Amino acid sequence: MTPESRRLDGNAAAGRLSEVFVFDVTAAETRCGGCGMTAPLGVYHVYADAPGMVVRCPTCEAMVMRIAQTPGHTWLDMSGVAALRIST
């Protein structure tokens, strides 16, 4: 199975992220910490076929975000996000 055949767009992360954020996070402008590309999270690549979910930059494929759930907890690693702009 190739990485491209497993890849979804960033909207696939909306369900899990809606449990953490009270706004539509897929519309938030997200800047990749690797290459600086800025776009709504909805255009980022999501790999959701593992115990957790990985969000990668569509330009450089750097890991931007990881989301995992354990009983009673949601773990969110945003170490690859340089900035997240939220419209109010």
Protein backbone atom coordinates (compact mmCIF):
# COMPACT_ATOMS: atom_id res chain seq x y z
CA MET A 1 0.00 0.00 0.00
CA THR A 2 1.47 3.38 -1.01
CA PRO A 3 1.33 6.46 1.23
CA GLU A 4 -0.84 8.21 -1.36
CA SER A 5 -3.46 5.45 -1.25
CA ARG A 6 -3.76 5.86 2.54
CA ARG A 7 -3.89 9.67 2.50
CA LEU A 8 -7.04 11.66 3.27
CA ASP A 9 -7.41 15.44 3.27
CA GLY A 10 -7.35 17.50 6.48
CA ASN A 11 -11.12 17.40 6.82
CA ALA A 12 -10.76 13.79 8.01
CA ALA A 13 -9.36 15.13 11.29
CA ALA A 14 -12.45 17.28 11.99
CA GLY A 15 -14.23 14.71 14.14
CA ARG A 16 -11.41 14.12 16.58
CA LEU A 17 -10.34 17.75 16.64
CA SER A 18 -13.92 18.94 17.35
CA GLU A 19 -13.56 17.18 20.70
CA VAL A 20 -10.62 19.50 21.52
CA PHE A 21 -11.46 22.78 19.74
CA VAL A 22 -14.79 24.62 19.94
CA PHE A 23 -14.36 26.16 16.47
CA ASP A 24 -14.03 24.60 13.03
CA VAL A 25 -10.32 23.85 13.12
CA THR A 26 -10.27 22.74 9.48
CA ALA A 27 -10.82 26.39 8.49
CA ALA A 28 -7.94 27.66 10.67
CA GLU A 29 -4.94 28.91 8.68
CA THR A 30 -2.12 26.56 9.61
CA ARG A 31 1.56 27.34 8.98
CA CYS A 32 3.89 24.38 8.58
CA GLY A 33 6.93 24.56 10.84
CA GLY A 34 8.98 22.77 8.20
CA CYS A 35 8.50 24.79 5.03
CA GLY A 36 6.29 27.70 6.11
CA MET A 37 3.40 26.83 3.75
CA THR A 38 0.19 28.37 5.07
CA ALA A 39 -3.26 27.02 4.21
CA PRO A 40 -6.46 25.96 5.96
CA LEU A 41 -5.94 22.73 7.88
CA GLY A 42 -8.53 21.13 5.61
CA VAL A 43 -6.03 20.95 2.74
CA TYR A 44 -3.34 19.20 4.79
CA HIS A 45 -2.85 15.43 4.37
CA VAL A 46 -4.23 13.13 7.06
CA TYR A 47 -3.25 9.53 7.68
CA ALA A 48 -5.92 7.97 9.88
CA ASP A 49 -5.30 4.23 9.52
CA ALA A 50 -3.22 3.78 12.67
CA PRO A 51 -4.02 3.94 16.39
CA GLY A 52 -3.58 7.70 16.09
CA MET A 53 -4.00 10.23 13.31
CA VAL A 54 -1.09 12.04 11.63
CA VAL A 55 -1.48 15.36 9.78
CA ARG A 56 1.23 16.19 7.25
CA CYS A 57 2.03 19.27 5.18
CA PRO A 58 0.86 18.90 1.56
CA THR A 59 4.00 20.69 0.33
CA CYS A 60 6.88 19.09 2.24
CA GLU A 61 5.11 16.14 3.97
CA ALA A 62 6.50 17.21 7.37
CA MET A 63 4.52 15.97 10.36
CA VAL A 64 2.44 18.92 11.52
CA MET A 65 0.13 17.34 14.07
CA ARG A 66 -0.53 13.99 15.77
CA ILE A 67 -3.77 13.07 17.53
CA ALA A 68 -4.30 9.96 19.64
CA GLN A 69 -6.97 8.88 22.06
CA THR A 70 -6.60 6.71 25.14
CA PRO A 71 -9.31 5.92 27.66
CA GLY A 72 -10.25 9.28 29.17
CA HIS A 73 -7.65 11.35 27.29
CA THR A 74 -6.97 12.97 23.95
CA TRP A 75 -3.30 13.54 23.11
CA LEU A 76 -2.53 16.35 20.68
CA ASP A 77 1.01 17.01 19.44
CA MET A 78 1.18 20.22 17.41
CA SER A 79 4.97 20.49 17.40
CA GLY A 80 5.04 20.84 13.60
CA VAL A 81 2.66 23.82 13.55
CA ALA A 82 4.51 27.14 13.41
CA ALA A 83 1.26 29.11 13.77
CA LEU A 84 -2.49 28.59 13.80
CA ARG A 85 -4.62 31.60 12.81
CA ILE A 86 -8.22 31.40 14.01
CA SER A 87 -10.82 33.79 12.61
CA THR A 88 -13.22 35.18 15.21
